[in-house]
N, C-alpha and C. Protein backbone atom coordinates (compact mmCIF):
# COMPACT_ATOMS: atom_id res chain seq x y z
N MET A 1 48.57 93.78 13.83
CA MET A 1 47.09 94.22 13.48
C MET A 1 46.73 94.87 14.81
N THR A 2 45.69 95.99 14.61
CA THR A 2 45.28 96.80 15.27
C THR A 2 44.01 96.40 15.55
N LYS A 3 43.57 96.20 16.74
CA LYS A 3 42.23 96.02 17.18
C LYS A 3 41.34 97.54 17.32
N LYS A 4 40.28 97.29 16.48
CA LYS A 4 39.18 98.17 16.51
C LYS A 4 38.69 98.61 17.79
N LYS A 5 38.52 99.89 18.05
CA LYS A 5 37.60 100.30 19.45
C LYS A 5 36.24 100.07 19.20
N LYS A 6 35.73 99.36 20.28
CA LYS A 6 34.39 99.08 20.33
C LYS A 6 33.46 100.28 20.72
N SER A 7 32.41 100.83 19.91
CA SER A 7 31.78 101.98 20.02
C SER A 7 30.99 101.67 21.68
N SER A 8 30.98 102.85 22.34
CA SER A 8 30.14 102.87 23.53
C SER A 8 28.54 103.08 23.17
N ARG A 9 28.25 103.20 21.91
CA ARG A 9 27.03 103.75 21.46
C ARG A 9 26.13 102.33 22.01
N GLY A 10 24.87 102.94 22.38
CA GLY A 10 23.98 101.65 22.59
C GLY A 10 24.20 100.94 23.81
N LEU A 11 24.96 101.32 24.61
CA LEU A 11 25.49 100.59 25.94
C LEU A 11 24.10 100.85 26.92
N LEU A 12 23.51 102.32 26.77
CA LEU A 12 22.40 102.21 27.84
C LEU A 12 21.09 101.91 27.31
N VAL A 13 20.56 102.40 26.15
CA VAL A 13 19.41 102.05 25.45
C VAL A 13 19.55 100.76 24.70
N ARG A 14 18.72 99.92 25.20
CA ARG A 14 18.38 98.69 24.90
C ARG A 14 17.76 98.40 23.33
N ALA A 15 16.69 99.37 23.61
CA ALA A 15 15.47 99.47 22.42
C ALA A 15 14.97 100.62 22.29
N TYR A 16 14.25 100.88 21.40
CA TYR A 16 13.50 102.31 21.49
C TYR A 16 12.44 102.27 20.16
N ALA A 17 11.43 102.88 20.40
CA ALA A 17 10.69 103.28 19.19
C ALA A 17 10.15 104.63 19.30
N GLU A 18 9.96 105.59 18.17
CA GLU A 18 9.72 107.07 18.32
C GLU A 18 8.59 107.19 17.32
N ASP A 19 7.80 108.31 17.77
CA ASP A 19 6.75 108.82 16.89
C ASP A 19 5.71 107.83 16.67
N ILE A 20 5.25 106.94 17.75
CA ILE A 20 4.08 106.19 17.52
C ILE A 20 2.87 106.61 18.05
N SER A 21 2.04 106.70 16.97
CA SER A 21 0.71 107.30 17.28
C SER A 21 -0.26 106.38 18.38
N ALA A 22 -0.70 107.31 19.18
CA ALA A 22 -1.59 106.77 20.40
C ALA A 22 -2.81 105.96 19.63
N SER A 23 -3.33 106.22 18.54
CA SER A 23 -4.30 105.41 18.10
C SER A 23 -3.93 104.15 17.60
N LEU A 24 -2.63 103.88 17.28
CA LEU A 24 -2.12 102.46 16.81
C LEU A 24 -1.98 101.78 18.22
N LEU A 25 -1.64 102.29 19.37
CA LEU A 25 -1.69 101.57 20.79
C LEU A 25 -2.97 101.32 21.13
N GLU A 26 -4.07 102.20 20.98
CA GLU A 26 -5.52 101.65 20.99
C GLU A 26 -5.86 100.74 20.21
N LYS A 27 -5.51 100.65 18.81
CA LYS A 27 -6.04 99.66 18.00
C LYS A 27 -5.32 98.29 17.92
N HIS A 28 -3.91 98.55 18.12
CA HIS A 28 -3.10 97.48 18.08
C HIS A 28 -2.57 97.01 19.47
N GLY A 29 -3.01 97.16 20.44
CA GLY A 29 -2.32 97.26 21.86
C GLY A 29 -1.54 95.77 22.07
N ASP A 30 -2.19 94.59 21.64
CA ASP A 30 -1.67 93.20 21.77
C ASP A 30 -0.36 93.43 20.81
N THR A 31 -0.56 93.62 19.68
CA THR A 31 0.80 93.67 18.99
C THR A 31 2.19 94.69 19.60
N VAL A 32 1.77 95.75 20.11
CA VAL A 32 2.51 96.28 20.79
C VAL A 32 2.99 95.82 21.95
N LYS A 33 2.34 95.41 22.74
CA LYS A 33 2.97 94.30 24.02
C LYS A 33 3.71 93.20 23.31
N THR A 34 3.42 92.66 22.34
CA THR A 34 4.21 91.40 22.08
C THR A 34 5.69 92.06 21.49
N VAL A 35 5.58 93.23 20.85
CA VAL A 35 6.83 93.73 20.21
C VAL A 35 7.58 94.19 21.31
N ILE A 36 6.89 95.24 21.99
CA ILE A 36 7.82 95.88 23.08
C ILE A 36 8.36 94.76 24.28
N GLY A 37 7.34 94.03 24.53
CA GLY A 37 7.45 93.04 25.77
C GLY A 37 7.44 93.84 26.91
N LYS A 38 8.12 92.91 28.20
CA LYS A 38 8.08 93.55 29.07
C LYS A 38 9.42 94.50 29.67
N LYS A 39 9.51 95.18 28.51
CA LYS A 39 10.84 96.01 28.85
C LYS A 39 10.33 97.41 29.73
N ARG A 40 11.61 97.83 30.61
CA ARG A 40 11.43 98.89 31.38
C ARG A 40 12.20 99.84 30.44
N GLY A 41 11.71 101.53 31.02
CA GLY A 41 12.55 102.26 30.54
C GLY A 41 11.65 103.70 30.75
N VAL A 42 12.11 104.53 30.01
CA VAL A 42 11.73 105.77 30.08
C VAL A 42 10.74 106.18 28.82
N TYR A 43 9.54 106.96 28.81
CA TYR A 43 8.72 107.22 27.88
C TYR A 43 8.34 108.89 27.89
N VAL A 44 7.84 109.39 26.64
CA VAL A 44 7.52 110.45 26.36
C VAL A 44 6.30 110.51 25.49
N LEU A 45 5.34 111.40 26.50
CA LEU A 45 3.98 111.44 25.61
C LEU A 45 3.81 112.69 24.92
N SER A 46 3.51 112.95 23.87
CA SER A 46 3.52 114.30 23.02
C SER A 46 2.25 114.84 22.42
N LYS A 47 2.21 115.80 22.37
CA LYS A 47 0.98 116.34 21.42
C LYS A 47 1.32 117.32 20.74
N ALA A 48 0.93 117.22 19.37
CA ALA A 48 1.64 118.16 18.29
C ALA A 48 3.20 118.19 18.32
N GLY A 49 3.75 117.25 18.52
CA GLY A 49 5.30 117.45 18.34
C GLY A 49 5.88 117.85 19.59
N LYS A 50 5.26 118.24 20.81
CA LYS A 50 5.73 118.80 21.96
C LYS A 50 5.60 117.77 23.07
N PRO A 51 6.59 117.44 23.80
CA PRO A 51 6.56 116.84 24.98
C PRO A 51 5.45 117.31 26.01
N TYR A 52 4.42 116.29 26.19
CA TYR A 52 3.41 116.55 27.14
C TYR A 52 3.70 115.89 28.74
N TYR A 53 4.11 114.75 28.52
CA TYR A 53 4.59 114.15 29.87
C TYR A 53 5.53 113.04 29.87
N ILE A 54 6.52 112.93 30.62
CA ILE A 54 7.68 112.24 30.53
C ILE A 54 7.51 111.12 32.15
N GLY A 55 7.82 110.05 31.85
CA GLY A 55 7.44 108.93 32.78
C GLY A 55 8.49 107.99 32.60
N LEU A 56 8.47 106.95 33.90
CA LEU A 56 9.34 105.62 33.84
C LEU A 56 8.35 104.55 33.83
N ALA A 57 8.74 103.36 33.45
CA ALA A 57 7.69 102.17 33.54
C ALA A 57 8.77 100.76 33.62
N ASN A 58 8.33 99.92 34.45
CA ASN A 58 8.84 98.68 34.52
C ASN A 58 8.25 97.87 33.46
N LYS A 59 6.84 98.18 33.08
CA LYS A 59 6.39 97.26 31.90
C LYS A 59 5.79 98.30 31.16
N LEU A 60 6.56 98.80 29.86
CA LEU A 60 6.12 99.87 29.16
C LEU A 60 4.77 99.89 28.49
N PRO A 61 4.47 98.58 27.97
CA PRO A 61 3.27 98.65 26.99
C PRO A 61 1.87 98.83 27.95
N SER A 62 1.94 98.28 29.21
CA SER A 62 0.98 98.56 30.22
C SER A 62 0.84 100.11 30.78
N ARG A 63 1.94 100.57 30.96
CA ARG A 63 1.95 101.81 31.57
C ARG A 63 1.47 102.47 30.34
N LEU A 64 1.96 102.27 29.12
CA LEU A 64 1.36 103.23 28.10
C LEU A 64 -0.26 103.25 27.78
N SER A 65 -0.58 101.98 27.91
CA SER A 65 -2.18 101.72 27.81
C SER A 65 -3.18 102.23 28.94
N HIS A 66 -2.28 102.30 30.10
CA HIS A 66 -2.95 102.97 31.28
C HIS A 66 -3.14 104.54 31.07
N HIS A 67 -2.21 105.21 30.31
CA HIS A 67 -2.21 106.51 29.98
C HIS A 67 -3.40 106.65 29.19
N LEU A 68 -4.08 105.90 28.45
CA LEU A 68 -5.20 106.14 27.31
C LEU A 68 -6.17 106.27 28.24
N LYS A 69 -6.35 106.22 29.61
CA LYS A 69 -7.73 106.37 30.11
C LYS A 69 -7.38 107.21 31.57
N ASP A 70 -6.32 107.43 31.82
CA ASP A 70 -6.12 108.01 33.23
C ASP A 70 -6.35 109.75 32.86
N ARG A 71 -5.73 110.54 33.93
CA ARG A 71 -5.57 111.84 33.87
C ARG A 71 -5.13 112.49 32.61
N HIS A 72 -4.08 111.74 31.81
CA HIS A 72 -3.46 112.13 30.67
C HIS A 72 -4.37 111.80 29.38
N ALA A 73 -5.39 111.14 29.70
CA ALA A 73 -6.31 110.59 28.19
C ALA A 73 -6.54 111.72 27.35
N GLY A 74 -6.48 111.85 26.04
CA GLY A 74 -6.54 112.91 25.11
C GLY A 74 -5.73 114.22 25.38
N ASN A 75 -4.59 114.02 26.04
CA ASN A 75 -3.69 115.20 26.18
C ASN A 75 -2.22 114.99 25.43
N TRP A 76 -2.41 113.58 24.77
CA TRP A 76 -1.37 113.34 23.81
C TRP A 76 -1.98 112.39 22.86
N ASP A 77 -1.04 112.38 21.75
CA ASP A 77 -1.31 111.76 20.49
C ASP A 77 -0.14 111.01 19.96
N ARG A 78 1.03 111.09 20.55
CA ARG A 78 2.06 110.13 20.19
C ARG A 78 2.91 109.78 21.32
N PHE A 79 3.67 108.83 21.17
CA PHE A 79 4.67 108.43 22.13
C PHE A 79 6.13 107.79 21.80
N ASN A 80 6.83 108.06 22.66
CA ASN A 80 8.55 107.66 22.47
C ASN A 80 8.82 106.76 23.51
N PHE A 81 9.45 105.76 23.27
CA PHE A 81 9.98 105.00 24.64
C PHE A 81 11.37 104.45 24.29
N TYR A 82 11.89 104.31 25.28
CA TYR A 82 13.40 103.95 25.49
C TYR A 82 13.58 103.16 26.43
N ALA A 83 13.88 101.71 26.04
CA ALA A 83 14.04 100.77 26.70
C ALA A 83 15.56 100.86 27.51
N ILE A 84 15.74 100.61 28.54
CA ILE A 84 17.12 101.20 29.65
C ILE A 84 17.66 99.70 29.92
N ARG A 85 18.96 99.43 29.70
CA ARG A 85 19.41 98.12 30.10
C ARG A 85 19.60 97.82 31.38
N SER A 86 20.00 98.95 32.13
CA SER A 86 20.21 98.91 33.66
C SER A 86 18.94 99.54 34.40
N LYS A 87 18.46 99.01 35.36
CA LYS A 87 17.19 99.89 35.89
C LYS A 87 17.93 100.71 36.79
N ARG A 88 19.10 100.82 37.20
CA ARG A 88 19.53 101.75 37.98
C ARG A 88 19.79 103.19 37.73
N TYR A 89 19.69 103.41 36.40
CA TYR A 89 19.73 104.51 35.56
C TYR A 89 18.54 105.27 35.13
N ILE A 90 17.25 104.28 35.29
CA ILE A 90 16.02 105.04 34.99
C ILE A 90 15.50 106.26 35.48
N LYS A 91 15.54 106.20 36.67
CA LYS A 91 14.94 107.30 37.38
C LYS A 91 15.76 108.79 37.20
N ASP A 92 16.93 108.43 36.77
CA ASP A 92 17.87 109.63 36.65
C ASP A 92 17.76 110.30 35.34
N LEU A 93 17.58 109.33 34.26
CA LEU A 93 17.26 109.70 32.90
C LEU A 93 15.79 110.17 33.01
N GLU A 94 14.79 109.79 33.60
CA GLU A 94 13.62 110.33 33.64
C GLU A 94 13.69 111.98 34.20
N SER A 95 14.53 112.22 35.15
CA SER A 95 14.68 113.17 35.79
C SER A 95 15.35 114.54 34.72
N ILE A 96 16.32 113.81 34.29
CA ILE A 96 17.18 114.88 33.18
C ILE A 96 16.02 115.26 32.08
N LEU A 97 15.15 114.12 31.78
CA LEU A 97 14.41 114.59 30.46
C LEU A 97 13.44 115.57 31.22
N ILE A 98 12.73 115.34 32.26
CA ILE A 98 11.74 116.21 32.95
C ILE A 98 12.29 117.79 33.10
N ARG A 99 13.42 117.56 33.74
CA ARG A 99 13.99 118.85 33.83
C ARG A 99 14.44 119.62 32.88
N VAL A 100 14.85 119.07 31.71
CA VAL A 100 15.07 119.92 30.41
C VAL A 100 13.92 120.23 29.76
N ALA A 101 12.93 119.23 29.37
CA ALA A 101 11.68 119.59 28.48
C ALA A 101 10.49 120.30 29.33
N LYS A 102 10.46 120.41 30.72
CA LYS A 102 9.48 121.12 31.46
C LYS A 102 8.06 120.51 30.84
N PRO A 103 7.58 119.20 31.00
CA PRO A 103 6.24 119.16 30.14
C PRO A 103 5.24 119.42 31.33
N GLU A 104 4.26 120.04 30.60
CA GLU A 104 3.05 120.57 31.49
C GLU A 104 2.31 119.41 32.30
N GLY A 105 2.56 118.29 31.81
CA GLY A 105 1.55 116.99 32.48
C GLY A 105 2.33 116.55 33.61
N ASN A 106 3.63 116.65 33.99
CA ASN A 106 4.29 116.16 34.98
C ASN A 106 4.27 117.39 36.09
N ARG A 107 3.68 116.69 37.26
CA ARG A 107 3.48 117.36 38.56
C ARG A 107 4.80 117.46 39.23
N GLN A 108 5.63 116.61 39.17
CA GLN A 108 7.07 116.46 39.78
C GLN A 108 8.08 117.21 38.70
N ARG A 109 9.28 117.72 39.28
CA ARG A 109 9.96 118.37 38.38
C ARG A 109 11.01 117.30 38.20
N GLY A 110 11.44 116.16 39.05
CA GLY A 110 12.31 115.22 38.98
C GLY A 110 13.57 115.69 39.71
N GLY A 111 14.26 114.92 40.42
CA GLY A 111 15.16 115.00 41.42
C GLY A 111 16.43 114.25 41.40
N PHE A 112 17.57 114.74 41.99
CA PHE A 112 18.83 113.79 41.92
C PHE A 112 19.28 113.51 43.50
N GLY A 113 18.59 113.94 44.31
CA GLY A 113 19.14 114.11 45.67
C GLY A 113 19.72 115.20 46.31
N LYS A 114 20.04 115.33 47.32
CA LYS A 114 20.36 116.41 48.48
C LYS A 114 22.08 116.67 47.75
N ASP A 115 22.40 117.77 47.98
CA ASP A 115 24.11 118.01 47.83
C ASP A 115 24.36 117.83 46.38
N LYS A 116 23.63 117.55 45.51
CA LYS A 116 24.36 117.24 44.19
C LYS A 116 24.19 118.61 43.01
N ASN A 117 23.51 119.48 43.56
CA ASN A 117 23.33 120.73 42.91
C ASN A 117 24.59 121.58 42.97
N LEU A 118 25.26 121.93 42.16
CA LEU A 118 26.41 122.54 42.10
C LEU A 118 26.16 123.96 41.79
N ARG A 119 25.29 124.76 41.60
CA ARG A 119 25.01 125.94 41.04
C ARG A 119 25.50 126.98 42.29
N ARG A 120 25.09 126.64 43.50
CA ARG A 120 25.35 127.52 44.60
C ARG A 120 26.84 127.79 44.73
N THR A 121 27.47 126.53 44.91
CA THR A 121 28.86 126.41 44.98
C THR A 121 29.78 127.12 44.05
N LEU A 122 29.06 127.02 42.45
CA LEU A 122 29.69 127.52 41.63
C LEU A 122 29.49 129.23 41.64
N ARG A 123 28.32 129.65 41.99
CA ARG A 123 28.10 130.98 42.46
C ARG A 123 29.00 131.64 43.34
N ASN A 124 29.27 130.92 44.47
CA ASN A 124 30.00 131.35 45.65
C ASN A 124 31.45 131.60 45.13
N GLU A 125 31.96 130.47 44.32
CA GLU A 125 33.25 130.44 44.14
C GLU A 125 33.52 131.61 42.98
N ILE A 126 32.73 132.19 42.23
CA ILE A 126 32.94 133.15 41.43
C ILE A 126 32.74 134.50 42.10
N ILE A 127 31.97 134.55 43.03
CA ILE A 127 31.83 135.61 43.88
C ILE A 127 33.25 135.97 44.56
N GLN A 128 33.76 134.68 45.32
CA GLN A 128 34.99 134.82 46.02
C GLN A 128 36.09 135.13 45.17
N SER A 129 36.14 134.68 43.85
CA SER A 129 37.04 135.07 42.83
C SER A 129 37.10 136.63 42.57
N ARG A 130 35.98 136.95 42.24
CA ARG A 130 35.75 138.51 41.88
C ARG A 130 36.12 139.30 42.82
N ARG A 131 35.80 138.86 44.30
CA ARG A 131 36.13 139.64 45.40
C ARG A 131 37.60 139.85 45.32
N THR A 132 38.58 138.90 45.16
CA THR A 132 39.98 139.13 45.27
C THR A 132 40.66 139.72 44.10
N SER A 133 39.77 139.67 42.87
CA SER A 133 40.39 140.06 41.67
C SER A 133 39.90 141.53 41.55
N MET A 134 38.49 142.02 41.49
CA MET A 134 38.29 143.19 41.27
C MET A 134 36.68 143.48 42.01
N PRO A 135 36.29 144.67 42.10
CA PRO A 135 34.99 144.92 42.83
C PRO A 135 34.14 144.84 41.38
N SER A 136 32.84 144.22 41.90
CA SER A 136 31.93 144.06 40.72
C SER A 136 30.53 144.22 41.37
N SER A 137 29.33 144.40 40.71
CA SER A 137 28.12 144.29 41.42
C SER A 137 27.68 142.64 41.65
N GLY A 138 28.12 141.91 40.71
CA GLY A 138 27.65 140.43 41.00
C GLY A 138 26.57 140.41 40.53
N THR A 139 25.65 141.22 39.78
CA THR A 139 24.43 140.92 39.31
C THR A 139 24.14 140.04 38.11
N ASP A 140 25.38 139.87 37.56
CA ASP A 140 25.28 139.01 36.27
C ASP A 140 25.69 137.30 36.64
N LEU A 141 25.75 137.21 37.90
CA LEU A 141 25.81 135.76 38.12
C LEU A 141 24.75 134.88 38.26
N LEU A 142 24.86 133.87 37.71
CA LEU A 142 23.75 132.72 37.60
C LEU A 142 22.38 133.51 38.08
């Protein structure tokens, strides 16, 4: 008898909720707190279906409630949240989402630390490779 392979799906995300209205959070904040609990993770505040702000939180319900009153108030009408199993991945996930979506409400771009961006190395390797194979203007590089 052959064992079935276990799926790796869902190993990072512990729980999630998507496309929840801000008004539901305002009217039923206690229920949202009870259901979500003190989960940590990343969240996306959206306006008209477009990401406005992406953040991370150790206590998601409290953080979301705070955004109803802070500088983001009125700039979002829906939210998504993703509870993450391991705290060690939350910052990198937030940074990936911010860098890809480029939401207008985020002041920071999201970072990964020094010496992890391979763009310059890739560009230099391509230039070096082209120099040894054929002359080129190099204008089409990254």
